[in-house]
Amino acid sequence: MTTPLQRIPLKTIRDDDASLADYAGHVVLIVNVASKCGLTPQYEGLEALYERYREEGLVVAGFPANDFGAQEPGTNEEIATFCTTNFSVAFPMFAKLTATGPDKHPLYAALTAEAPKASGDPDAFREKLRGYGMTPNPEPELLWNFEKFLVARDGTVAGRFAPTTAPDDPALVAAIETELAK
C-alpha cells in the first residue's frame, strides 16, 4: 500500500514518469539541489551516503530547484551533465521543479506539511541570509538549497534537516541508520 506522498506524479531528469512509489520499501533522502550554490559540494557527500547505504535500502533523490538566488539556472540535461561530470552522481535525479512559494510542486507541499520544521540549526542560517541582505522564508517553507527530507520505508516523513546539515552529519546519519534498521 502506498501513501499519498508516494503517489505524487514526478518526472525523472530524463523526463520519464516516476513517483516515490518506485522506491516503496526503501528509505529515501529527498534533497532540493542546485549547481551554483555554496552548498553544492554536498553532492559529493550525498553520493557517498548513497554508495554507503544503498545496499541496505537507502535512495538519495535529487530535485533541482531554482528557487534560491537563481542558483540552478540550467536545463535538466545541463544539470544531469553537471552532476555526473563534477560529482559522479549515480543516485536518482529528478526534473527541475519549484520547491517553495505559491507554485511549489505538490511533492514539496506534502513534505513541508508533514515536517514543517527542520532540525539542525536553521535559525543560524536564517541570520546568515539576513546578513547578506536576504529575507529568508518563514517555516514551513524551505529555507535554502540542500534542505533534506528523510522518508521512511512506510512512505511517511521521518525527518527534515536544515540545508547546512552536511550529508555526513552524525544526526542525519543516525536518522538514516535508524530508518534502515526498521
N, C-alpha and C. Protein backbone atom coordinates (compact mmCIF):
# COMPACT_ATOMS: atom_id res chain seq x y z
N MET A 1 0.84 -1.19 0.00
CA MET A 1 0.00 0.00 0.00
C MET A 1 0.89 1.25 0.00
N THR A 2 0.59 2.18 -0.85
CA THR A 2 1.40 3.40 -0.94
C THR A 2 0.70 4.56 -0.22
N THR A 3 1.50 5.54 0.18
CA THR A 3 0.97 6.72 0.85
C THR A 3 0.66 7.79 -0.19
N PRO A 4 -0.11 8.80 0.18
CA PRO A 4 -0.36 9.91 -0.75
C PRO A 4 0.97 10.55 -1.24
N LEU A 5 1.94 10.66 -0.36
CA LEU A 5 3.25 11.21 -0.74
C LEU A 5 3.87 10.38 -1.86
N GLN A 6 3.78 9.07 -1.75
CA GLN A 6 4.37 8.19 -2.75
C GLN A 6 3.63 8.20 -4.09
N ARG A 7 2.39 8.66 -4.08
CA ARG A 7 1.60 8.66 -5.31
C ARG A 7 1.71 9.97 -6.10
N ILE A 8 2.41 10.95 -5.60
CA ILE A 8 2.54 12.22 -6.31
C ILE A 8 3.32 12.00 -7.60
N PRO A 9 2.77 12.41 -8.74
CA PRO A 9 3.48 12.22 -10.02
C PRO A 9 4.75 13.08 -10.08
N LEU A 10 5.82 12.44 -10.54
CA LEU A 10 7.11 13.10 -10.70
C LEU A 10 7.64 12.81 -12.09
N LYS A 11 8.68 13.52 -12.46
CA LYS A 11 9.41 13.25 -13.70
C LYS A 11 10.88 13.10 -13.35
N THR A 12 11.54 12.11 -13.94
CA THR A 12 12.98 11.99 -13.75
C THR A 12 13.68 13.09 -14.55
N ILE A 13 14.95 13.26 -14.31
CA ILE A 13 15.71 14.28 -15.03
C ILE A 13 15.76 13.98 -16.53
N ARG A 14 15.51 12.72 -16.89
CA ARG A 14 15.46 12.31 -18.31
C ARG A 14 14.03 12.34 -18.86
N ASP A 15 13.10 12.93 -18.07
CA ASP A 15 11.71 13.14 -18.46
C ASP A 15 10.86 11.87 -18.49
N ASP A 16 11.25 10.88 -17.72
CA ASP A 16 10.42 9.67 -17.58
C ASP A 16 9.46 9.88 -16.42
N ASP A 17 8.27 9.28 -16.53
CA ASP A 17 7.31 9.32 -15.43
C ASP A 17 7.86 8.55 -14.24
N ALA A 18 7.59 9.06 -13.05
CA ALA A 18 8.08 8.42 -11.83
C ALA A 18 7.21 8.85 -10.66
N SER A 19 7.46 8.23 -9.52
CA SER A 19 6.87 8.65 -8.25
C SER A 19 7.72 8.02 -7.15
N LEU A 20 7.51 8.46 -5.94
CA LEU A 20 8.24 7.84 -4.83
C LEU A 20 7.79 6.41 -4.59
N ALA A 21 6.64 6.03 -5.14
CA ALA A 21 6.19 4.63 -5.04
C ALA A 21 7.20 3.69 -5.71
N ASP A 22 7.99 4.23 -6.65
CA ASP A 22 9.04 3.42 -7.29
C ASP A 22 10.06 2.96 -6.26
N TYR A 23 10.10 3.62 -5.11
CA TYR A 23 11.07 3.30 -4.06
C TYR A 23 10.39 2.82 -2.80
N ALA A 24 9.15 2.35 -2.92
CA ALA A 24 8.42 1.82 -1.77
C ALA A 24 9.25 0.73 -1.11
N GLY A 25 9.30 0.77 0.21
CA GLY A 25 10.10 -0.19 0.96
C GLY A 25 11.54 0.27 1.17
N HIS A 26 11.92 1.35 0.54
CA HIS A 26 13.26 1.94 0.73
C HIS A 26 13.15 3.15 1.66
N VAL A 27 14.28 3.57 2.18
CA VAL A 27 14.40 4.83 2.88
C VAL A 27 14.89 5.83 1.84
N VAL A 28 14.21 6.97 1.71
CA VAL A 28 14.54 7.94 0.67
C VAL A 28 14.93 9.27 1.32
N LEU A 29 16.10 9.77 0.92
CA LEU A 29 16.55 11.08 1.36
C LEU A 29 16.33 12.04 0.19
N ILE A 30 15.34 12.91 0.33
CA ILE A 30 14.98 13.87 -0.71
C ILE A 30 15.72 15.17 -0.45
N VAL A 31 16.40 15.68 -1.49
CA VAL A 31 17.20 16.89 -1.34
C VAL A 31 16.93 17.83 -2.51
N ASN A 32 16.60 19.08 -2.21
CA ASN A 32 16.48 20.08 -3.29
C ASN A 32 17.90 20.59 -3.56
N VAL A 33 18.37 20.37 -4.77
CA VAL A 33 19.77 20.61 -5.12
C VAL A 33 19.92 21.78 -6.08
N ALA A 34 21.14 22.32 -6.15
CA ALA A 34 21.45 23.42 -7.06
C ALA A 34 22.93 23.35 -7.42
N SER A 35 23.24 23.73 -8.65
CA SER A 35 24.60 23.60 -9.18
C SER A 35 25.51 24.79 -8.88
N LYS A 36 24.94 25.93 -8.52
CA LYS A 36 25.75 27.13 -8.35
C LYS A 36 25.58 27.73 -6.95
N CYS A 37 25.53 26.87 -5.96
CA CYS A 37 25.27 27.25 -4.58
C CYS A 37 26.53 27.00 -3.75
N GLY A 38 26.71 27.75 -2.70
CA GLY A 38 27.83 27.48 -1.80
C GLY A 38 27.74 26.11 -1.17
N LEU A 39 26.56 25.52 -1.16
CA LEU A 39 26.38 24.17 -0.59
C LEU A 39 26.48 23.07 -1.64
N THR A 40 26.72 23.43 -2.90
CA THR A 40 26.79 22.44 -3.98
C THR A 40 27.79 21.31 -3.70
N PRO A 41 28.91 21.57 -3.02
CA PRO A 41 29.81 20.45 -2.71
C PRO A 41 29.15 19.32 -1.91
N GLN A 42 27.95 19.57 -1.35
CA GLN A 42 27.24 18.48 -0.66
C GLN A 42 26.91 17.33 -1.60
N TYR A 43 26.89 17.58 -2.91
CA TYR A 43 26.67 16.48 -3.85
C TYR A 43 27.64 15.34 -3.57
N GLU A 44 28.88 15.66 -3.28
CA GLU A 44 29.89 14.62 -3.02
C GLU A 44 29.50 13.78 -1.82
N GLY A 45 29.08 14.43 -0.74
CA GLY A 45 28.67 13.70 0.45
C GLY A 45 27.38 12.93 0.25
N LEU A 46 26.46 13.48 -0.54
CA LEU A 46 25.22 12.76 -0.83
C LEU A 46 25.51 11.49 -1.62
N GLU A 47 26.40 11.58 -2.58
CA GLU A 47 26.78 10.39 -3.36
C GLU A 47 27.46 9.38 -2.45
N ALA A 48 28.31 9.83 -1.53
CA ALA A 48 28.97 8.92 -0.59
C ALA A 48 27.94 8.21 0.30
N LEU A 49 26.94 8.94 0.77
CA LEU A 49 25.86 8.33 1.56
C LEU A 49 25.15 7.26 0.75
N TYR A 50 24.83 7.59 -0.48
CA TYR A 50 24.13 6.66 -1.36
C TYR A 50 24.96 5.39 -1.56
N GLU A 51 26.22 5.57 -1.85
CA GLU A 51 27.09 4.41 -2.07
C GLU A 51 27.23 3.57 -0.80
N ARG A 52 27.30 4.24 0.34
CA ARG A 52 27.50 3.53 1.61
C ARG A 52 26.27 2.71 2.01
N TYR A 53 25.07 3.26 1.78
CA TYR A 53 23.87 2.63 2.33
C TYR A 53 22.89 2.09 1.29
N ARG A 54 23.19 2.18 0.02
CA ARG A 54 22.20 1.77 -0.98
C ARG A 54 21.87 0.29 -0.91
N GLU A 55 22.84 -0.54 -0.58
CA GLU A 55 22.58 -1.99 -0.47
C GLU A 55 21.65 -2.30 0.71
N GLU A 56 21.58 -1.38 1.68
CA GLU A 56 20.69 -1.56 2.83
C GLU A 56 19.31 -0.96 2.57
N GLY A 57 19.16 -0.27 1.43
CA GLY A 57 17.85 0.26 1.09
C GLY A 57 17.73 1.76 1.05
N LEU A 58 18.85 2.51 1.09
CA LEU A 58 18.76 3.96 1.00
C LEU A 58 18.77 4.42 -0.45
N VAL A 59 17.89 5.35 -0.75
CA VAL A 59 17.88 6.03 -2.04
C VAL A 59 18.04 7.52 -1.74
N VAL A 60 19.00 8.16 -2.37
CA VAL A 60 19.10 9.61 -2.33
C VAL A 60 18.41 10.10 -3.60
N ALA A 61 17.52 11.07 -3.46
CA ALA A 61 16.77 11.58 -4.60
C ALA A 61 16.99 13.08 -4.71
N GLY A 62 17.63 13.51 -5.79
CA GLY A 62 17.94 14.91 -6.01
C GLY A 62 16.86 15.60 -6.83
N PHE A 63 16.38 16.73 -6.33
CA PHE A 63 15.36 17.53 -7.01
C PHE A 63 15.89 18.93 -7.26
N PRO A 64 16.41 19.20 -8.45
CA PRO A 64 16.92 20.55 -8.75
C PRO A 64 15.81 21.58 -8.64
N ALA A 65 16.16 22.72 -8.05
CA ALA A 65 15.22 23.83 -7.93
C ALA A 65 15.99 25.14 -8.09
N ASN A 66 15.37 26.08 -8.72
CA ASN A 66 16.00 27.39 -8.97
C ASN A 66 15.36 28.46 -8.09
N ASP A 67 14.91 28.07 -6.90
CA ASP A 67 14.14 28.95 -6.03
C ASP A 67 14.98 29.91 -5.20
N PHE A 68 16.24 29.62 -5.02
CA PHE A 68 17.05 30.39 -4.09
C PHE A 68 18.24 31.01 -4.81
N GLY A 69 18.18 32.31 -5.01
CA GLY A 69 19.29 33.01 -5.63
C GLY A 69 19.56 32.61 -7.07
N ALA A 70 18.59 32.04 -7.75
CA ALA A 70 18.76 31.60 -9.14
C ALA A 70 20.01 30.74 -9.30
N GLN A 71 20.21 29.82 -8.34
CA GLN A 71 21.43 29.02 -8.31
C GLN A 71 21.32 27.69 -9.05
N GLU A 72 20.19 27.48 -9.73
CA GLU A 72 20.04 26.31 -10.59
C GLU A 72 19.40 26.75 -11.90
N PRO A 73 20.16 27.52 -12.71
CA PRO A 73 19.58 28.07 -13.94
C PRO A 73 19.52 27.09 -15.11
N GLY A 74 20.21 25.97 -15.03
CA GLY A 74 20.35 25.08 -16.17
C GLY A 74 19.10 24.29 -16.51
N THR A 75 19.15 23.68 -17.69
CA THR A 75 18.10 22.75 -18.12
C THR A 75 18.35 21.41 -17.43
N ASN A 76 17.37 20.52 -17.52
CA ASN A 76 17.55 19.19 -16.93
C ASN A 76 18.78 18.50 -17.52
N GLU A 77 18.97 18.63 -18.82
CA GLU A 77 20.13 18.00 -19.47
C GLU A 77 21.44 18.59 -18.95
N GLU A 78 21.49 19.92 -18.81
CA GLU A 78 22.70 20.57 -18.29
C GLU A 78 22.96 20.16 -16.83
N ILE A 79 21.91 20.05 -16.05
CA ILE A 79 22.04 19.65 -14.64
C ILE A 79 22.57 18.22 -14.57
N ALA A 80 22.01 17.32 -15.36
CA ALA A 80 22.46 15.92 -15.36
C ALA A 80 23.93 15.84 -15.73
N THR A 81 24.35 16.57 -16.75
CA THR A 81 25.75 16.57 -17.16
C THR A 81 26.64 17.12 -16.06
N PHE A 82 26.22 18.21 -15.44
CA PHE A 82 26.98 18.81 -14.34
C PHE A 82 27.19 17.80 -13.20
N CYS A 83 26.11 17.14 -12.82
CA CYS A 83 26.17 16.21 -11.68
C CYS A 83 27.09 15.02 -11.95
N THR A 84 26.99 14.46 -13.14
CA THR A 84 27.82 13.29 -13.44
C THR A 84 29.27 13.69 -13.68
N THR A 85 29.49 14.81 -14.35
CA THR A 85 30.85 15.25 -14.67
C THR A 85 31.61 15.71 -13.43
N ASN A 86 30.95 16.48 -12.57
CA ASN A 86 31.64 17.09 -11.43
C ASN A 86 31.59 16.27 -10.15
N PHE A 87 30.56 15.45 -9.98
CA PHE A 87 30.41 14.73 -8.71
C PHE A 87 30.12 13.24 -8.89
N SER A 88 30.18 12.73 -10.10
CA SER A 88 29.91 11.31 -10.39
C SER A 88 28.62 10.84 -9.73
N VAL A 89 27.59 11.67 -9.79
CA VAL A 89 26.31 11.35 -9.16
C VAL A 89 25.68 10.15 -9.85
N ALA A 90 25.39 9.13 -9.06
CA ALA A 90 24.71 7.94 -9.56
C ALA A 90 23.32 7.80 -8.94
N PHE A 91 23.05 8.57 -7.88
CA PHE A 91 21.72 8.49 -7.27
C PHE A 91 20.68 9.13 -8.19
N PRO A 92 19.41 8.75 -8.03
CA PRO A 92 18.36 9.25 -8.92
C PRO A 92 18.22 10.78 -8.86
N MET A 93 18.14 11.37 -10.02
CA MET A 93 17.89 12.80 -10.15
C MET A 93 16.55 12.99 -10.85
N PHE A 94 15.85 14.01 -10.44
CA PHE A 94 14.52 14.27 -10.96
C PHE A 94 14.50 15.60 -11.71
N ALA A 95 13.43 15.83 -12.44
CA ALA A 95 13.28 17.06 -13.21
C ALA A 95 13.23 18.27 -12.28
N LYS A 96 13.75 19.34 -12.79
CA LYS A 96 13.75 20.61 -12.08
C LYS A 96 12.31 20.97 -11.71
N LEU A 97 12.13 21.46 -10.50
CA LEU A 97 10.80 21.83 -10.04
C LEU A 97 10.88 23.08 -9.16
N THR A 98 9.73 23.54 -8.73
CA THR A 98 9.65 24.65 -7.79
C THR A 98 9.41 24.05 -6.41
N ALA A 99 10.28 24.40 -5.46
CA ALA A 99 10.23 23.77 -4.14
C ALA A 99 9.63 24.66 -3.06
N THR A 100 9.34 25.91 -3.39
CA THR A 100 8.82 26.83 -2.39
C THR A 100 7.91 27.86 -3.05
N GLY A 101 7.13 28.53 -2.24
CA GLY A 101 6.26 29.58 -2.76
C GLY A 101 4.92 29.08 -3.24
N PRO A 102 4.12 29.96 -3.83
CA PRO A 102 2.75 29.60 -4.22
C PRO A 102 2.69 28.56 -5.34
N ASP A 103 3.73 28.44 -6.14
CA ASP A 103 3.73 27.48 -7.24
C ASP A 103 4.52 26.21 -6.93
N LYS A 104 4.78 25.96 -5.65
CA LYS A 104 5.61 24.80 -5.30
C LYS A 104 4.96 23.50 -5.76
N HIS A 105 5.83 22.58 -6.13
CA HIS A 105 5.40 21.26 -6.59
C HIS A 105 4.64 20.56 -5.47
N PRO A 106 3.63 19.75 -5.81
CA PRO A 106 2.88 19.02 -4.78
C PRO A 106 3.77 18.17 -3.86
N LEU A 107 4.90 17.68 -4.37
CA LEU A 107 5.81 16.91 -3.51
C LEU A 107 6.27 17.76 -2.34
N TYR A 108 6.70 18.98 -2.63
CA TYR A 108 7.21 19.84 -1.56
C TYR A 108 6.08 20.38 -0.68
N ALA A 109 4.89 20.54 -1.22
CA ALA A 109 3.74 20.91 -0.39
C ALA A 109 3.47 19.81 0.63
N ALA A 110 3.52 18.56 0.18
CA ALA A 110 3.28 17.43 1.08
C ALA A 110 4.41 17.27 2.10
N LEU A 111 5.66 17.40 1.65
CA LEU A 111 6.79 17.25 2.56
C LEU A 111 6.77 18.29 3.67
N THR A 112 6.55 19.55 3.30
CA THR A 112 6.56 20.61 4.32
C THR A 112 5.34 20.52 5.23
N ALA A 113 4.23 19.98 4.73
CA ALA A 113 3.06 19.79 5.58
C ALA A 113 3.33 18.70 6.62
N GLU A 114 4.01 17.63 6.21
CA GLU A 114 4.31 16.54 7.14
C GLU A 114 5.43 16.88 8.10
N ALA A 115 6.38 17.69 7.68
CA ALA A 115 7.52 18.06 8.52
C ALA A 115 7.74 19.57 8.39
N PRO A 116 7.01 20.37 9.17
CA PRO A 116 7.07 21.82 9.00
C PRO A 116 8.33 22.50 9.53
N LYS A 117 9.12 21.79 10.33
CA LYS A 117 10.31 22.40 10.93
C LYS A 117 11.53 21.51 10.72
N ALA A 118 12.62 22.13 10.29
CA ALA A 118 13.86 21.39 10.06
C ALA A 118 14.67 21.30 11.35
N SER A 119 15.35 20.17 11.51
CA SER A 119 16.29 20.04 12.62
C SER A 119 17.65 20.55 12.13
N GLY A 120 18.60 20.59 13.02
CA GLY A 120 19.88 21.20 12.71
C GLY A 120 19.85 22.61 13.26
N ASP A 121 20.40 23.56 12.55
CA ASP A 121 20.41 24.94 13.03
C ASP A 121 19.90 25.89 11.95
N PRO A 122 18.60 25.77 11.60
CA PRO A 122 18.08 26.65 10.55
C PRO A 122 18.09 28.12 10.96
N ASP A 123 17.96 28.41 12.26
CA ASP A 123 17.93 29.82 12.69
C ASP A 123 19.26 30.51 12.43
N ALA A 124 20.37 29.82 12.64
CA ALA A 124 21.68 30.41 12.35
C ALA A 124 21.81 30.71 10.86
N PHE A 125 21.30 29.80 10.02
CA PHE A 125 21.37 30.03 8.58
C PHE A 125 20.47 31.19 8.18
N ARG A 126 19.30 31.30 8.83
CA ARG A 126 18.41 32.44 8.56
C ARG A 126 19.14 33.75 8.86
N GLU A 127 19.86 33.79 9.98
CA GLU A 127 20.61 35.00 10.34
C GLU A 127 21.71 35.29 9.31
N LYS A 128 22.35 34.25 8.84
CA LYS A 128 23.38 34.42 7.81
C LYS A 128 22.78 35.02 6.54
N LEU A 129 21.62 34.52 6.13
CA LEU A 129 20.94 35.06 4.95
C LEU A 129 20.57 36.53 5.16
N ARG A 130 20.07 36.84 6.36
CA ARG A 130 19.74 38.25 6.66
C ARG A 130 20.99 39.12 6.57
N GLY A 131 22.12 38.58 6.99
CA GLY A 131 23.39 39.30 6.91
C GLY A 131 23.79 39.62 5.48
N TYR A 132 23.31 38.81 4.54
CA TYR A 132 23.56 39.06 3.12
C TYR A 132 22.47 39.94 2.50
N GLY A 133 21.57 40.47 3.35
CA GLY A 133 20.51 41.33 2.86
C GLY A 133 19.33 40.58 2.27
N MET A 134 19.22 39.30 2.57
CA MET A 134 18.12 38.48 2.04
C MET A 134 17.05 38.30 3.12
N THR A 135 15.84 38.07 2.67
CA THR A 135 14.75 37.77 3.59
C THR A 135 14.46 36.28 3.49
N PRO A 136 14.84 35.51 4.51
CA PRO A 136 14.61 34.07 4.45
C PRO A 136 13.13 33.71 4.54
N ASN A 137 12.81 32.58 3.95
CA ASN A 137 11.44 32.08 4.02
C ASN A 137 11.10 31.70 5.46
N PRO A 138 9.87 31.98 5.87
CA PRO A 138 9.42 31.50 7.19
C PRO A 138 9.08 30.02 7.11
N GLU A 139 9.09 29.36 8.25
CA GLU A 139 8.64 27.97 8.29
C GLU A 139 7.15 27.95 7.95
N PRO A 140 6.66 26.96 7.30
CA PRO A 140 7.30 25.68 6.97
C PRO A 140 8.03 25.67 5.63
N GLU A 141 8.10 26.81 4.94
CA GLU A 141 8.76 26.83 3.63
C GLU A 141 10.23 26.40 3.75
N LEU A 142 10.77 25.92 2.64
CA LEU A 142 12.19 25.59 2.61
C LEU A 142 13.00 26.85 2.83
N LEU A 143 14.11 26.68 3.50
CA LEU A 143 14.98 27.80 3.81
C LEU A 143 15.94 28.11 2.67
N TRP A 144 16.51 27.05 2.04
CA TRP A 144 17.52 27.24 1.00
C TRP A 144 17.72 25.92 0.28
N ASN A 145 18.65 25.92 -0.66
CA ASN A 145 19.05 24.70 -1.36
C ASN A 145 19.62 23.69 -0.36
N PHE A 146 19.51 22.43 -0.70
CA PHE A 146 20.08 21.32 0.05
C PHE A 146 19.39 21.06 1.39
N GLU A 147 18.13 21.46 1.50
CA GLU A 147 17.33 21.02 2.64
C GLU A 147 16.98 19.55 2.39
N LYS A 148 16.93 18.76 3.45
CA LYS A 148 16.78 17.32 3.30
C LYS A 148 15.55 16.80 4.04
N PHE A 149 14.81 15.90 3.37
CA PHE A 149 13.68 15.21 3.98
C PHE A 149 13.97 13.72 3.95
N LEU A 150 13.82 13.07 5.09
CA LEU A 150 14.03 11.64 5.18
C LEU A 150 12.67 10.95 5.19
N VAL A 151 12.44 10.12 4.18
CA VAL A 151 11.18 9.39 4.06
C VAL A 151 11.43 7.94 4.46
N ALA A 152 10.63 7.48 5.43
CA ALA A 152 10.77 6.13 5.96
C ALA A 152 10.29 5.08 4.94
N ARG A 153 10.60 3.84 5.23
CA ARG A 153 10.20 2.73 4.36
C ARG A 153 8.69 2.68 4.14
N ASP A 154 7.93 3.16 5.12
CA ASP A 154 6.46 3.12 5.00
C ASP A 154 5.89 4.32 4.25
N GLY A 155 6.76 5.20 3.73
CA GLY A 155 6.31 6.32 2.92
C GLY A 155 5.93 7.57 3.70
N THR A 156 6.24 7.60 4.99
CA THR A 156 5.98 8.78 5.80
C THR A 156 7.28 9.56 6.02
N VAL A 157 7.15 10.84 6.30
CA VAL A 157 8.34 11.67 6.54
C VAL A 157 8.85 11.41 7.95
N ALA A 158 10.10 10.97 8.03
CA ALA A 158 10.72 10.63 9.31
C ALA A 158 11.61 11.74 9.84
N GLY A 159 11.92 12.72 9.01
CA GLY A 159 12.77 13.80 9.49
C GLY A 159 13.00 14.84 8.41
N ARG A 160 13.39 16.02 8.87
CA ARG A 160 13.71 17.14 7.99
C ARG A 160 14.96 17.81 8.55
N PHE A 161 15.89 18.12 7.66
CA PHE A 161 17.18 18.64 8.09
C PHE A 161 17.52 19.93 7.36
N ALA A 162 18.05 20.89 8.10
CA ALA A 162 18.42 22.19 7.56
C ALA A 162 19.44 22.05 6.43
N PRO A 163 19.49 23.05 5.53
CA PRO A 163 20.43 23.00 4.41
C PRO A 163 21.89 22.81 4.83
N THR A 164 22.25 23.38 5.96
CA THR A 164 23.64 23.29 6.42
C THR A 164 23.97 21.97 7.10
N THR A 165 22.99 21.08 7.24
CA THR A 165 23.27 19.74 7.76
C THR A 165 23.99 18.96 6.67
N ALA A 166 25.27 18.72 6.89
CA ALA A 166 26.09 18.02 5.90
C ALA A 166 25.64 16.57 5.78
N PRO A 167 25.86 15.96 4.62
CA PRO A 167 25.47 14.56 4.46
C PRO A 167 26.12 13.60 5.46
N ASP A 168 27.29 13.97 5.98
CA ASP A 168 27.95 13.10 6.97
C ASP A 168 27.70 13.56 8.41
N ASP A 169 26.77 14.48 8.61
CA ASP A 169 26.43 14.95 9.95
C ASP A 169 25.94 13.77 10.78
N PRO A 170 26.46 13.60 11.99
CA PRO A 170 26.06 12.45 12.82
C PRO A 170 24.56 12.33 13.04
N ALA A 171 23.86 13.43 13.18
CA ALA A 171 22.40 13.37 13.39
C ALA A 171 21.69 12.82 12.16
N LEU A 172 22.10 13.25 10.99
CA LEU A 172 21.49 12.75 9.75
C LEU A 172 21.83 11.28 9.54
N VAL A 173 23.08 10.93 9.73
CA VAL A 173 23.50 9.53 9.56
C VAL A 173 22.75 8.63 10.55
N ALA A 174 22.62 9.09 11.79
CA ALA A 174 21.90 8.29 12.79
C ALA A 174 20.43 8.11 12.40
N ALA A 175 19.81 9.17 11.88
CA ALA A 175 18.40 9.07 11.46
C ALA A 175 18.27 8.09 10.31
N ILE A 176 19.19 8.14 9.36
CA ILE A 176 19.17 7.20 8.23
C ILE A 176 19.35 5.77 8.72
N GLU A 177 20.33 5.57 9.59
CA GLU A 177 20.58 4.22 10.11
C GLU A 177 19.39 3.69 10.90
N THR A 178 18.73 4.56 11.68
CA THR A 178 17.55 4.15 12.43
C THR A 178 16.44 3.69 11.49
N GLU A 179 16.21 4.46 10.42
CA GLU A 179 15.15 4.09 9.48
C GLU A 179 15.52 2.83 8.68
N LEU A 180 16.78 2.67 8.34
CA LEU A 180 17.19 1.47 7.62
C LEU A 180 17.04 0.22 8.47
N ALA A 181 17.18 0.36 9.79
CA ALA A 181 17.09 -0.79 10.70
C ALA A 181 15.65 -1.26 10.90
N LYS A 182 14.69 -0.44 10.50
CA LYS A 182 13.27 -0.81 10.72
C LYS A 182 12.80 -1.78 9.68
